[in-house]
Amino acid sequence: MIRGITFLFLMLLLVQFQVMPVDASMALTNVFYTPTPPLVTGNQQHVIAKYYLGPSGATTFIPSHQLQMRTQLVNARWNIQVLLNGVNAAQQSASGSTAFVNGALLSYSPNNDVSLEVTIDGFVPRTQDGQIMILQVKEIDNSGSVVPGSEITVSQPVAGEPATTLQTSSPTPTPPPVHPSPTKSVGFPLTLGIGAIILVSIIMCRRSR
């Protein structure tokens, strides 16, 4: 009788352990940057981060949990894609510094291959410590607390200010020097000379008469 009760108690513990929710096993697999780092203050940045959700317990993710995503890129626009066995299964978009993914979109039986592709477009802000947080992902439980060990953060250094294009001004062309025209001598007017000759001829003709 005692052995039977003990066996039944052990079986109940085993069943309870099997159905107990287990936190998701999430890993960052790749990150792509356009343009490539180092980042430059004020420039637009395009980032694609890929994650793998490994089977943990009865499902790939606890349906009642959620993922919280944050970025320090300014005016960020999000595109979040859930892939099931390599095929698009769900998609959602968001804007701002924070985005959330409902756990129901990530919860599948453990024999499935679930991955996550997160795309962010934003602008690189000014920073004091020389680097910014590109993407931080946390698993949030039912009480709103962060699941220990679930945080994955991607950061990048910021090189500095954007390169400014200097406007090169062409030198103002200097006009060629204007040389003064040589002064022409007035001389004796031709018409006046002809008139004087005619007048002299008339006077001499009158005298010869």
N, C-alpha and C. Protein backbone atom coordinates (compact mmCIF):
# COMPACT_ATOMS: atom_id res chain seq x y z
N MET A 1 0.83 -1.19 0.00
CA MET A 1 0.00 0.00 0.00
C MET A 1 0.88 1.26 0.00
N ILE A 2 1.87 1.28 0.90
CA ILE A 2 2.76 2.45 0.98
C ILE A 2 3.55 2.60 -0.31
N ARG A 3 3.99 1.47 -0.90
CA ARG A 3 4.73 1.52 -2.15
C ARG A 3 3.85 2.10 -3.27
N GLY A 4 2.58 1.72 -3.28
CA GLY A 4 1.67 2.21 -4.30
C GLY A 4 1.46 3.71 -4.20
N ILE A 5 1.30 4.21 -2.97
CA ILE A 5 1.13 5.64 -2.76
C ILE A 5 2.39 6.40 -3.16
N THR A 6 3.55 5.84 -2.80
CA THR A 6 4.82 6.47 -3.16
C THR A 6 4.99 6.55 -4.68
N PHE A 7 4.64 5.44 -5.35
CA PHE A 7 4.74 5.41 -6.81
C PHE A 7 3.81 6.43 -7.46
N LEU A 8 2.58 6.52 -6.92
CA LEU A 8 1.63 7.48 -7.46
C LEU A 8 2.12 8.92 -7.26
N PHE A 9 2.71 9.21 -6.12
CA PHE A 9 3.22 10.54 -5.82
C PHE A 9 4.37 10.92 -6.77
N LEU A 10 5.24 9.93 -7.02
CA LEU A 10 6.35 10.18 -7.94
C LEU A 10 5.86 10.43 -9.36
N MET A 11 4.80 9.72 -9.76
CA MET A 11 4.25 9.91 -11.10
C MET A 11 3.63 11.31 -11.24
N LEU A 12 2.95 11.77 -10.18
CA LEU A 12 2.37 13.12 -10.22
C LEU A 12 3.46 14.18 -10.32
N LEU A 13 4.56 14.00 -9.61
CA LEU A 13 5.67 14.94 -9.69
C LEU A 13 6.27 14.97 -11.09
N LEU A 14 6.39 13.79 -11.70
CA LEU A 14 6.96 13.70 -13.04
C LEU A 14 6.07 14.40 -14.06
N VAL A 15 4.75 14.21 -13.96
CA VAL A 15 3.83 14.86 -14.88
C VAL A 15 3.88 16.37 -14.70
N GLN A 16 3.92 16.82 -13.44
CA GLN A 16 3.98 18.25 -13.18
C GLN A 16 5.26 18.86 -13.74
N PHE A 17 6.35 18.14 -13.66
CA PHE A 17 7.62 18.64 -14.17
C PHE A 17 7.58 18.75 -15.70
N GLN A 18 6.92 17.78 -16.34
CA GLN A 18 6.86 17.78 -17.79
C GLN A 18 6.01 18.92 -18.34
N VAL A 19 4.94 19.30 -17.65
CA VAL A 19 4.06 20.36 -18.15
C VAL A 19 4.46 21.73 -17.63
N MET A 20 5.47 21.80 -16.79
CA MET A 20 5.91 23.09 -16.25
C MET A 20 6.50 23.94 -17.37
N PRO A 21 6.07 25.22 -17.51
CA PRO A 21 6.61 26.08 -18.57
C PRO A 21 8.11 26.26 -18.40
N VAL A 22 8.81 26.24 -19.52
CA VAL A 22 10.24 26.45 -19.54
C VAL A 22 10.54 27.66 -20.40
N ASP A 23 11.41 28.53 -19.93
CA ASP A 23 11.74 29.72 -20.68
C ASP A 23 12.35 29.36 -22.03
N ALA A 24 12.08 30.20 -23.02
CA ALA A 24 12.56 29.93 -24.38
C ALA A 24 14.08 30.00 -24.44
N SER A 25 14.63 29.20 -25.32
CA SER A 25 16.07 29.23 -25.57
C SER A 25 16.29 29.99 -26.87
N MET A 26 16.66 31.26 -26.76
CA MET A 26 16.79 32.14 -27.91
C MET A 26 18.24 32.51 -28.12
N ALA A 27 18.68 32.51 -29.38
CA ALA A 27 20.08 32.83 -29.68
C ALA A 27 20.16 33.72 -30.91
N LEU A 28 21.08 34.67 -30.87
CA LEU A 28 21.34 35.54 -32.01
C LEU A 28 22.22 34.79 -33.01
N THR A 29 21.79 34.70 -34.25
CA THR A 29 22.53 33.95 -35.26
C THR A 29 23.30 34.83 -36.23
N ASN A 30 22.80 36.04 -36.51
CA ASN A 30 23.50 36.90 -37.46
C ASN A 30 22.97 38.33 -37.39
N VAL A 31 23.83 39.29 -37.76
CA VAL A 31 23.44 40.69 -37.83
C VAL A 31 24.07 41.29 -39.09
N PHE A 32 23.27 42.06 -39.84
CA PHE A 32 23.74 42.72 -41.05
C PHE A 32 23.53 44.22 -40.91
N TYR A 33 24.53 45.00 -41.37
CA TYR A 33 24.46 46.46 -41.28
C TYR A 33 24.63 47.09 -42.66
N THR A 34 23.81 48.10 -42.94
CA THR A 34 23.95 48.90 -44.16
C THR A 34 23.74 50.38 -43.78
N PRO A 35 24.77 51.23 -43.91
CA PRO A 35 26.15 50.90 -44.28
C PRO A 35 26.88 50.15 -43.18
N THR A 36 28.03 49.59 -43.50
CA THR A 36 28.78 48.79 -42.54
C THR A 36 29.38 49.68 -41.46
N PRO A 37 29.57 49.14 -40.23
CA PRO A 37 30.18 49.92 -39.15
C PRO A 37 31.61 50.32 -39.52
N PRO A 38 32.14 51.37 -38.85
CA PRO A 38 31.54 52.08 -37.71
C PRO A 38 30.42 53.02 -38.13
N LEU A 39 29.49 53.23 -37.19
CA LEU A 39 28.36 54.10 -37.46
C LEU A 39 28.79 55.56 -37.40
N VAL A 40 28.05 56.40 -38.11
CA VAL A 40 28.37 57.84 -38.16
C VAL A 40 27.15 58.62 -37.69
N THR A 41 27.37 59.54 -36.77
CA THR A 41 26.28 60.35 -36.23
C THR A 41 25.50 61.07 -37.33
N GLY A 42 24.17 60.93 -37.27
CA GLY A 42 23.32 61.60 -38.23
C GLY A 42 23.02 60.78 -39.47
N ASN A 43 23.76 59.72 -39.71
CA ASN A 43 23.53 58.89 -40.89
C ASN A 43 22.35 57.95 -40.69
N GLN A 44 21.69 57.58 -41.77
CA GLN A 44 20.63 56.59 -41.70
C GLN A 44 21.25 55.20 -41.64
N GLN A 45 20.68 54.33 -40.79
CA GLN A 45 21.23 52.99 -40.58
C GLN A 45 20.16 51.94 -40.80
N HIS A 46 20.53 50.88 -41.51
CA HIS A 46 19.64 49.75 -41.78
C HIS A 46 20.25 48.51 -41.13
N VAL A 47 19.47 47.83 -40.29
CA VAL A 47 19.98 46.68 -39.53
C VAL A 47 19.01 45.51 -39.68
N ILE A 48 19.57 44.32 -39.90
CA ILE A 48 18.79 43.08 -39.91
C ILE A 48 19.42 42.12 -38.91
N ALA A 49 18.65 41.70 -37.90
CA ALA A 49 19.13 40.75 -36.89
C ALA A 49 18.29 39.48 -36.96
N LYS A 50 18.96 38.33 -36.91
CA LYS A 50 18.27 37.05 -37.00
C LYS A 50 18.48 36.25 -35.72
N TYR A 51 17.39 35.63 -35.23
CA TYR A 51 17.41 34.86 -33.98
C TYR A 51 16.83 33.47 -34.23
N TYR A 52 17.32 32.54 -33.42
CA TYR A 52 16.79 31.17 -33.47
C TYR A 52 16.14 30.86 -32.13
N LEU A 53 14.92 30.31 -32.17
CA LEU A 53 14.20 29.92 -30.95
C LEU A 53 14.25 28.41 -30.83
N GLY A 54 15.14 27.93 -29.98
CA GLY A 54 15.27 26.48 -29.80
C GLY A 54 14.16 25.93 -28.93
N PRO A 55 13.80 24.67 -29.14
CA PRO A 55 12.76 24.03 -28.32
C PRO A 55 13.13 24.03 -26.85
N SER A 56 12.20 24.47 -26.02
CA SER A 56 12.40 24.47 -24.57
C SER A 56 11.09 24.01 -23.93
N GLY A 57 11.08 22.78 -23.48
CA GLY A 57 9.86 22.25 -22.87
C GLY A 57 8.86 21.82 -23.93
N ALA A 58 7.59 22.09 -23.66
CA ALA A 58 6.51 21.60 -24.52
C ALA A 58 6.35 22.44 -25.77
N THR A 59 6.84 23.71 -25.79
CA THR A 59 6.70 24.59 -26.95
C THR A 59 8.00 25.34 -27.19
N THR A 60 8.06 26.00 -28.33
CA THR A 60 9.24 26.80 -28.64
C THR A 60 9.27 28.11 -27.86
N PHE A 61 8.10 28.57 -27.41
CA PHE A 61 8.02 29.81 -26.63
C PHE A 61 6.75 29.76 -25.79
N ILE A 62 6.80 30.29 -24.57
CA ILE A 62 5.63 30.30 -23.70
C ILE A 62 4.61 31.29 -24.25
N PRO A 63 3.42 30.86 -24.59
CA PRO A 63 2.44 31.76 -25.24
C PRO A 63 2.08 32.99 -24.42
N SER A 64 2.10 32.88 -23.10
CA SER A 64 1.71 34.00 -22.25
C SER A 64 2.85 35.01 -22.04
N HIS A 65 4.06 34.67 -22.50
CA HIS A 65 5.18 35.60 -22.40
C HIS A 65 5.23 36.45 -23.67
N GLN A 66 6.13 37.42 -23.69
CA GLN A 66 6.32 38.25 -24.87
C GLN A 66 7.78 38.68 -24.97
N LEU A 67 8.15 39.13 -26.16
CA LEU A 67 9.48 39.67 -26.37
C LEU A 67 9.40 41.19 -26.41
N GLN A 68 10.31 41.83 -25.67
CA GLN A 68 10.44 43.28 -25.71
C GLN A 68 11.72 43.62 -26.46
N MET A 69 11.60 44.52 -27.44
CA MET A 69 12.75 44.93 -28.24
C MET A 69 12.94 46.43 -28.14
N ARG A 70 14.19 46.85 -27.98
CA ARG A 70 14.50 48.28 -27.85
C ARG A 70 15.69 48.64 -28.73
N THR A 71 15.72 49.90 -29.17
CA THR A 71 16.85 50.42 -29.95
C THR A 71 17.08 51.87 -29.59
N GLN A 72 18.31 52.33 -29.78
CA GLN A 72 18.64 53.74 -29.58
C GLN A 72 18.71 54.50 -30.90
N LEU A 73 18.43 53.84 -32.00
CA LEU A 73 18.33 54.55 -33.27
C LEU A 73 17.14 55.50 -33.23
N VAL A 74 17.30 56.67 -33.80
CA VAL A 74 16.26 57.69 -33.77
C VAL A 74 15.28 57.48 -34.92
N ASN A 75 13.98 57.73 -34.61
CA ASN A 75 12.91 57.56 -35.62
C ASN A 75 12.92 56.16 -36.21
N ALA A 76 13.04 55.17 -35.33
CA ALA A 76 13.18 53.79 -35.79
C ALA A 76 11.87 53.25 -36.35
N ARG A 77 11.99 52.48 -37.41
CA ARG A 77 10.85 51.76 -38.01
C ARG A 77 11.20 50.27 -38.02
N TRP A 78 10.27 49.45 -37.52
CA TRP A 78 10.50 48.03 -37.31
C TRP A 78 9.72 47.18 -38.31
N ASN A 79 10.35 46.10 -38.73
CA ASN A 79 9.65 45.06 -39.47
C ASN A 79 10.09 43.72 -38.87
N ILE A 80 9.15 43.02 -38.24
CA ILE A 80 9.46 41.78 -37.51
C ILE A 80 8.79 40.61 -38.21
N GLN A 81 9.60 39.62 -38.59
CA GLN A 81 9.11 38.47 -39.36
C GLN A 81 9.38 37.18 -38.57
N VAL A 82 8.31 36.38 -38.39
CA VAL A 82 8.44 35.07 -37.75
C VAL A 82 8.49 34.01 -38.84
N LEU A 83 9.51 33.16 -38.79
CA LEU A 83 9.68 32.10 -39.78
C LEU A 83 9.45 30.75 -39.13
N LEU A 84 8.59 29.94 -39.72
CA LEU A 84 8.31 28.59 -39.25
C LEU A 84 8.81 27.60 -40.29
N ASN A 85 9.84 26.84 -39.91
CA ASN A 85 10.47 25.89 -40.84
C ASN A 85 10.89 26.57 -42.14
N GLY A 86 11.40 27.80 -42.00
CA GLY A 86 11.91 28.54 -43.14
C GLY A 86 10.86 29.28 -43.95
N VAL A 87 9.60 29.22 -43.55
CA VAL A 87 8.50 29.86 -44.28
C VAL A 87 7.91 30.97 -43.41
N ASN A 88 7.56 32.09 -44.05
CA ASN A 88 6.96 33.20 -43.31
C ASN A 88 5.66 32.75 -42.64
N ALA A 89 5.59 32.95 -41.32
CA ALA A 89 4.42 32.54 -40.56
C ALA A 89 3.65 33.71 -39.98
N ALA A 90 4.34 34.81 -39.67
CA ALA A 90 3.69 35.98 -39.10
C ALA A 90 4.58 37.19 -39.34
N GLN A 91 3.94 38.35 -39.39
CA GLN A 91 4.68 39.59 -39.62
C GLN A 91 3.99 40.72 -38.88
N GLN A 92 4.78 41.62 -38.31
CA GLN A 92 4.23 42.81 -37.69
C GLN A 92 5.22 43.95 -37.82
N SER A 93 4.70 45.17 -37.79
CA SER A 93 5.53 46.36 -37.91
C SER A 93 5.29 47.27 -36.71
N ALA A 94 6.23 48.17 -36.47
CA ALA A 94 6.12 49.11 -35.36
C ALA A 94 7.01 50.30 -35.66
N SER A 95 6.88 51.34 -34.84
CA SER A 95 7.73 52.51 -34.95
C SER A 95 8.05 53.02 -33.56
N GLY A 96 9.19 53.71 -33.44
CA GLY A 96 9.62 54.20 -32.14
C GLY A 96 10.78 53.39 -31.60
N SER A 97 11.12 53.65 -30.35
CA SER A 97 12.30 53.01 -29.75
C SER A 97 12.02 51.61 -29.22
N THR A 98 10.73 51.22 -29.08
CA THR A 98 10.38 49.93 -28.48
C THR A 98 9.35 49.20 -29.33
N ALA A 99 9.50 47.88 -29.40
CA ALA A 99 8.53 47.03 -30.11
C ALA A 99 8.33 45.76 -29.28
N PHE A 100 7.14 45.15 -29.41
CA PHE A 100 6.81 43.93 -28.67
C PHE A 100 6.32 42.85 -29.63
N VAL A 101 6.63 41.60 -29.29
CA VAL A 101 6.15 40.46 -30.06
C VAL A 101 5.39 39.55 -29.11
N ASN A 102 4.13 39.28 -29.41
CA ASN A 102 3.30 38.40 -28.59
C ASN A 102 3.84 36.97 -28.64
N GLY A 103 3.89 36.34 -27.48
CA GLY A 103 4.43 34.99 -27.41
C GLY A 103 3.64 33.97 -28.22
N ALA A 104 2.34 34.26 -28.45
CA ALA A 104 1.53 33.32 -29.22
C ALA A 104 2.03 33.18 -30.66
N LEU A 105 2.68 34.24 -31.17
CA LEU A 105 3.22 34.19 -32.53
C LEU A 105 4.48 33.34 -32.62
N LEU A 106 5.08 33.03 -31.47
CA LEU A 106 6.35 32.29 -31.43
C LEU A 106 6.18 30.88 -30.86
N SER A 107 4.98 30.54 -30.42
CA SER A 107 4.76 29.28 -29.71
C SER A 107 4.32 28.17 -30.67
N TYR A 108 5.18 27.17 -30.84
CA TYR A 108 4.89 26.01 -31.68
C TYR A 108 5.39 24.76 -30.97
N SER A 109 4.99 23.64 -31.46
CA SER A 109 5.47 22.38 -30.89
C SER A 109 6.98 22.26 -31.11
N PRO A 110 7.68 21.56 -30.22
CA PRO A 110 9.15 21.55 -30.27
C PRO A 110 9.75 20.88 -31.50
N ASN A 111 8.94 20.19 -32.28
CA ASN A 111 9.49 19.56 -33.49
C ASN A 111 9.56 20.54 -34.67
N ASN A 112 9.23 21.81 -34.42
CA ASN A 112 9.28 22.84 -35.45
C ASN A 112 10.54 23.70 -35.31
N ASP A 113 10.96 24.26 -36.42
CA ASP A 113 12.12 25.16 -36.45
C ASP A 113 11.60 26.59 -36.54
N VAL A 114 11.75 27.36 -35.47
CA VAL A 114 11.21 28.72 -35.41
C VAL A 114 12.37 29.71 -35.33
N SER A 115 12.30 30.74 -36.16
CA SER A 115 13.32 31.80 -36.15
C SER A 115 12.64 33.15 -36.29
N LEU A 116 13.41 34.18 -36.02
CA LEU A 116 12.88 35.54 -35.99
C LEU A 116 13.84 36.44 -36.76
N GLU A 117 13.29 37.28 -37.63
CA GLU A 117 14.09 38.24 -38.39
C GLU A 117 13.58 39.64 -38.09
N VAL A 118 14.45 40.46 -37.52
CA VAL A 118 14.08 41.81 -37.09
C VAL A 118 14.84 42.83 -37.95
N THR A 119 14.09 43.69 -38.61
CA THR A 119 14.68 44.74 -39.45
C THR A 119 14.37 46.11 -38.84
N ILE A 120 15.41 46.94 -38.70
CA ILE A 120 15.25 48.28 -38.14
C ILE A 120 15.88 49.29 -39.08
N ASP A 121 15.15 50.39 -39.31
CA ASP A 121 15.68 51.53 -40.05
C ASP A 121 15.56 52.76 -39.16
N GLY A 122 16.67 53.45 -38.98
CA GLY A 122 16.66 54.64 -38.14
C GLY A 122 17.91 55.47 -38.38
N PHE A 123 18.08 56.51 -37.53
CA PHE A 123 19.21 57.41 -37.67
C PHE A 123 20.11 57.30 -36.43
N VAL A 124 21.41 57.41 -36.67
CA VAL A 124 22.39 57.28 -35.59
C VAL A 124 22.40 58.57 -34.77
N PRO A 125 22.15 58.47 -33.45
CA PRO A 125 22.11 59.68 -32.62
C PRO A 125 23.50 60.08 -32.13
N ARG A 126 23.58 61.28 -31.56
CA ARG A 126 24.81 61.69 -30.87
C ARG A 126 24.94 60.88 -29.59
N THR A 127 26.16 60.55 -29.22
CA THR A 127 26.36 59.75 -28.02
C THR A 127 27.56 60.26 -27.26
N GLN A 128 27.52 60.08 -25.93
CA GLN A 128 28.61 60.53 -25.07
C GLN A 128 29.66 59.45 -24.84
N ASP A 129 29.22 58.18 -24.82
CA ASP A 129 30.14 57.09 -24.49
C ASP A 129 30.76 56.42 -25.71
N GLY A 130 30.49 56.92 -26.92
CA GLY A 130 31.14 56.39 -28.11
C GLY A 130 30.49 55.18 -28.74
N GLN A 131 29.36 54.71 -28.21
CA GLN A 131 28.66 53.59 -28.83
C GLN A 131 27.17 53.69 -28.52
N ILE A 132 26.37 53.01 -29.34
CA ILE A 132 24.92 53.00 -29.12
C ILE A 132 24.41 51.57 -29.14
N MET A 133 23.27 51.38 -28.52
CA MET A 133 22.61 50.07 -28.50
C MET A 133 21.77 49.95 -29.78
N ILE A 134 22.15 49.05 -30.63
CA ILE A 134 21.42 48.84 -31.87
C ILE A 134 20.12 48.08 -31.61
N LEU A 135 20.20 47.01 -30.85
CA LEU A 135 19.02 46.19 -30.59
C LEU A 135 19.20 45.41 -29.29
N GLN A 136 18.19 45.47 -28.44
CA GLN A 136 18.17 44.70 -27.19
C GLN A 136 16.86 43.93 -27.12
N VAL A 137 16.96 42.63 -26.91
CA VAL A 137 15.78 41.76 -26.85
C VAL A 137 15.71 41.12 -25.46
N LYS A 138 14.51 41.16 -24.85
CA LYS A 138 14.28 40.56 -23.54
C LYS A 138 12.98 39.76 -23.57
N GLU A 139 12.96 38.67 -22.83
CA GLU A 139 11.71 37.92 -22.66
C GLU A 139 11.03 38.40 -21.38
N ILE A 140 9.76 38.78 -21.51
CA ILE A 140 8.99 39.29 -20.38
C ILE A 140 7.95 38.25 -19.96
N ASP A 141 7.90 37.95 -18.66
CA ASP A 141 6.96 36.93 -18.19
C ASP A 141 5.58 37.53 -17.89
N ASN A 142 4.70 36.72 -17.30
CA ASN A 142 3.32 37.15 -17.03
C ASN A 142 3.24 38.35 -16.10
N SER A 143 4.20 38.47 -15.19
CA SER A 143 4.16 39.56 -14.21
C SER A 143 4.83 40.83 -14.72
N GLY A 144 5.34 40.82 -15.93
CA GLY A 144 6.01 41.99 -16.48
C GLY A 144 7.48 42.05 -16.13
N SER A 145 8.02 40.99 -15.54
CA SER A 145 9.43 40.96 -15.17
C SER A 145 10.26 40.32 -16.28
N VAL A 146 11.52 40.71 -16.34
CA VAL A 146 12.43 40.14 -17.33
C VAL A 146 12.84 38.74 -16.89
N VAL A 147 12.74 37.80 -17.82
CA VAL A 147 13.17 36.42 -17.53
C VAL A 147 14.69 36.42 -17.42
N PRO A 148 15.25 35.94 -16.31
CA PRO A 148 16.72 35.95 -16.13
C PRO A 148 17.42 35.20 -17.26
N GLY A 149 18.48 35.81 -17.76
CA GLY A 149 19.29 35.18 -18.79
C GLY A 149 18.73 35.29 -20.20
N SER A 150 17.63 36.02 -20.37
CA SER A 150 17.00 36.11 -21.70
C SER A 150 17.46 37.33 -22.50
N GLU A 151 18.20 38.22 -21.88
CA GLU A 151 18.56 39.47 -22.55
C GLU A 151 19.68 39.27 -23.56
N ILE A 152 19.48 39.77 -24.77
CA ILE A 152 20.50 39.74 -25.83
C ILE A 152 20.64 41.17 -26.35
N THR A 153 21.85 41.73 -26.25
CA THR A 153 22.08 43.13 -26.65
C THR A 153 23.13 43.20 -27.74
N VAL A 154 22.84 44.01 -28.75
CA VAL A 154 23.77 44.26 -29.84
C VAL A 154 24.11 45.75 -29.84
N SER A 155 25.38 46.08 -29.74
CA SER A 155 25.83 47.47 -29.73
C SER A 155 26.91 47.67 -30.78
N GLN A 156 27.09 48.94 -31.16
CA GLN A 156 28.11 49.28 -32.15
C GLN A 156 28.74 50.61 -31.80
N PRO A 157 30.05 50.78 -32.06
CA PRO A 157 30.69 52.08 -31.81
C PRO A 157 30.26 53.11 -32.84
N VAL A 158 30.31 54.36 -32.43
CA VAL A 158 29.99 55.48 -33.32
C VAL A 158 31.28 56.21 -33.62
N ALA A 159 31.57 56.37 -34.91
CA ALA A 159 32.84 56.94 -35.32
C ALA A 159 32.91 58.44 -35.07
N GLY A 160 31.82 59.15 -35.27
CA GLY A 160 31.85 60.59 -35.07
C GLY A 160 30.85 61.29 -35.95
N GLU A 161 31.14 62.52 -36.25
CA GLU A 161 30.23 63.35 -37.02
C GLU A 161 30.26 62.96 -38.49
N PRO A 162 29.18 63.21 -39.21
CA PRO A 162 29.18 62.91 -40.64
C PRO A 162 30.15 63.80 -41.40
N ALA A 163 30.71 63.26 -42.46
CA ALA A 163 31.62 64.03 -43.29
C ALA A 163 30.84 65.11 -44.04
N THR A 164 31.29 66.33 -43.93
CA THR A 164 30.60 67.43 -44.60
C THR A 164 31.30 67.74 -45.92
N THR A 165 30.52 68.01 -46.90
CA THR A 165 31.07 68.34 -48.22
C THR A 165 31.36 69.83 -48.27
N LEU A 166 32.62 70.16 -48.42
CA LEU A 166 33.01 71.56 -48.46
C LEU A 166 32.69 72.13 -49.83
N GLN A 167 32.04 73.28 -49.86
CA GLN A 167 31.71 73.93 -51.11
C GLN A 167 32.91 74.75 -51.58
N THR A 168 33.49 74.32 -52.65
CA THR A 168 34.66 75.02 -53.18
C THR A 168 34.18 76.14 -54.10
N SER A 169 34.55 77.36 -53.75
CA SER A 169 34.13 78.51 -54.56
C SER A 169 35.20 78.83 -55.58
N SER A 170 34.81 78.97 -56.82
CA SER A 170 35.75 79.30 -57.89
C SER A 170 36.21 80.73 -57.72
N PRO A 171 37.52 80.98 -57.93
CA PRO A 171 38.00 82.36 -57.78
C PRO A 171 37.37 83.27 -58.81
N THR A 172 37.05 84.47 -58.37
CA THR A 172 36.45 85.45 -59.28
C THR A 172 37.48 85.87 -60.32
N PRO A 173 37.17 85.69 -61.58
CA PRO A 173 38.17 86.05 -62.61
C PRO A 173 38.49 87.54 -62.58
N THR A 174 39.79 87.83 -62.61
CA THR A 174 40.23 89.22 -62.59
C THR A 174 40.18 89.78 -64.00
N PRO A 175 39.46 90.86 -64.22
CA PRO A 175 39.39 91.42 -65.58
C PRO A 175 40.75 91.88 -66.05
N PRO A 176 41.05 91.70 -67.32
CA PRO A 176 42.36 92.13 -67.84
C PRO A 176 42.52 93.64 -67.69
N PRO A 177 43.74 94.06 -67.43
CA PRO A 177 43.97 95.51 -67.27
C PRO A 177 43.64 96.26 -68.54
N VAL A 178 42.99 97.37 -68.35
CA VAL A 178 42.61 98.20 -69.49
C VAL A 178 43.68 99.27 -69.68
N HIS A 179 44.40 99.19 -70.79
CA HIS A 179 45.45 100.17 -71.05
C HIS A 179 44.82 101.40 -71.70
N PRO A 180 45.26 102.58 -71.31
CA PRO A 180 44.69 103.82 -71.91
C PRO A 180 45.04 103.93 -73.38
N SER A 181 44.09 104.32 -74.16
CA SER A 181 44.31 104.48 -75.60
C SER A 181 45.29 105.62 -75.83
N PRO A 182 46.20 105.44 -76.76
CA PRO A 182 47.17 106.54 -77.04
C PRO A 182 46.43 107.77 -77.51
N THR A 183 46.88 108.92 -77.00
CA THR A 183 46.24 110.19 -77.35
C THR A 183 46.61 110.59 -78.78
N LYS A 184 45.62 110.84 -79.57
CA LYS A 184 45.86 111.25 -80.96
C LYS A 184 46.01 112.77 -81.02
N SER A 185 47.04 113.20 -81.79
CA SER A 185 47.21 114.65 -81.95
C SER A 185 46.10 115.19 -82.83
N VAL A 186 45.62 116.34 -82.43
CA VAL A 186 44.50 116.91 -83.16
C VAL A 186 44.89 117.25 -84.59
N GLY A 187 46.11 117.86 -84.79
CA GLY A 187 46.59 118.20 -86.13
C GLY A 187 45.81 119.35 -86.75
N PHE A 188 46.07 119.63 -88.00
CA PHE A 188 45.42 120.73 -88.72
C PHE A 188 44.24 120.17 -89.48
N PRO A 189 43.04 120.67 -89.30
CA PRO A 189 41.88 120.10 -89.98
C PRO A 189 42.01 120.23 -91.48
N LEU A 190 41.64 119.18 -92.20
CA LEU A 190 41.77 119.13 -93.64
C LEU A 190 40.84 120.15 -94.31
N THR A 191 39.62 120.25 -93.86
CA THR A 191 38.66 121.19 -94.48
C THR A 191 39.11 122.64 -94.35
N LEU A 192 39.69 122.92 -93.14
CA LEU A 192 40.16 124.30 -92.94
C LEU A 192 41.30 124.65 -93.89
N GLY A 193 42.18 123.70 -94.15
CA GLY A 193 43.30 123.93 -95.07
C GLY A 193 42.82 124.17 -96.49
N ILE A 194 41.82 123.35 -96.91
CA ILE A 194 41.29 123.52 -98.25
C ILE A 194 40.64 124.89 -98.40
N GLY A 195 39.90 125.28 -97.37
CA GLY A 195 39.24 126.60 -97.42
C GLY A 195 40.24 127.74 -97.52
N ALA A 196 41.35 127.62 -96.78
CA ALA A 196 42.38 128.68 -96.80
C ALA A 196 43.01 128.80 -98.18
N ILE A 197 43.25 127.62 -98.82
CA ILE A 197 43.85 127.64 -100.16
C ILE A 197 42.93 128.34 -101.14
N ILE A 198 41.63 128.02 -101.07
CA ILE A 198 40.67 128.64 -102.00
C ILE A 198 40.62 130.15 -101.78
N LEU A 199 40.64 130.57 -100.53
CA LEU A 199 40.57 131.99 -100.22
C LEU A 199 41.79 132.72 -100.76
N VAL A 200 42.97 132.15 -100.60
CA VAL A 200 44.20 132.78 -101.09
C VAL A 200 44.17 132.89 -102.61
N SER A 201 43.64 131.81 -103.25
CA SER A 201 43.59 131.82 -104.73
C SER A 201 42.68 132.94 -105.22
N ILE A 202 41.55 133.16 -104.54
CA ILE A 202 40.62 134.22 -104.96
C ILE A 202 41.27 135.59 -104.83
N ILE A 203 41.96 135.80 -103.71
CA ILE A 203 42.60 137.12 -103.48
C ILE A 203 43.65 137.40 -104.56
N MET A 204 44.47 136.37 -104.90
CA MET A 204 45.52 136.58 -105.89
C MET A 204 44.92 136.85 -107.27
N CYS A 205 43.82 136.20 -107.59
CA CYS A 205 43.19 136.42 -108.89
C CYS A 205 42.69 137.87 -109.01
N ARG A 206 42.12 138.40 -107.96
CA ARG A 206 41.62 139.75 -107.98
C ARG A 206 42.75 140.76 -108.12
N ARG A 207 43.87 140.49 -107.49
CA ARG A 207 44.99 141.41 -107.58
C ARG A 207 45.61 141.41 -108.99
N SER A 208 45.62 140.22 -109.62
CA SER A 208 46.22 140.15 -110.96
C SER A 208 45.40 140.90 -111.98
N ARG A 209 44.16 141.16 -111.76
CA ARG A 209 43.33 141.92 -112.65
C ARG A 209 43.64 143.40 -112.49
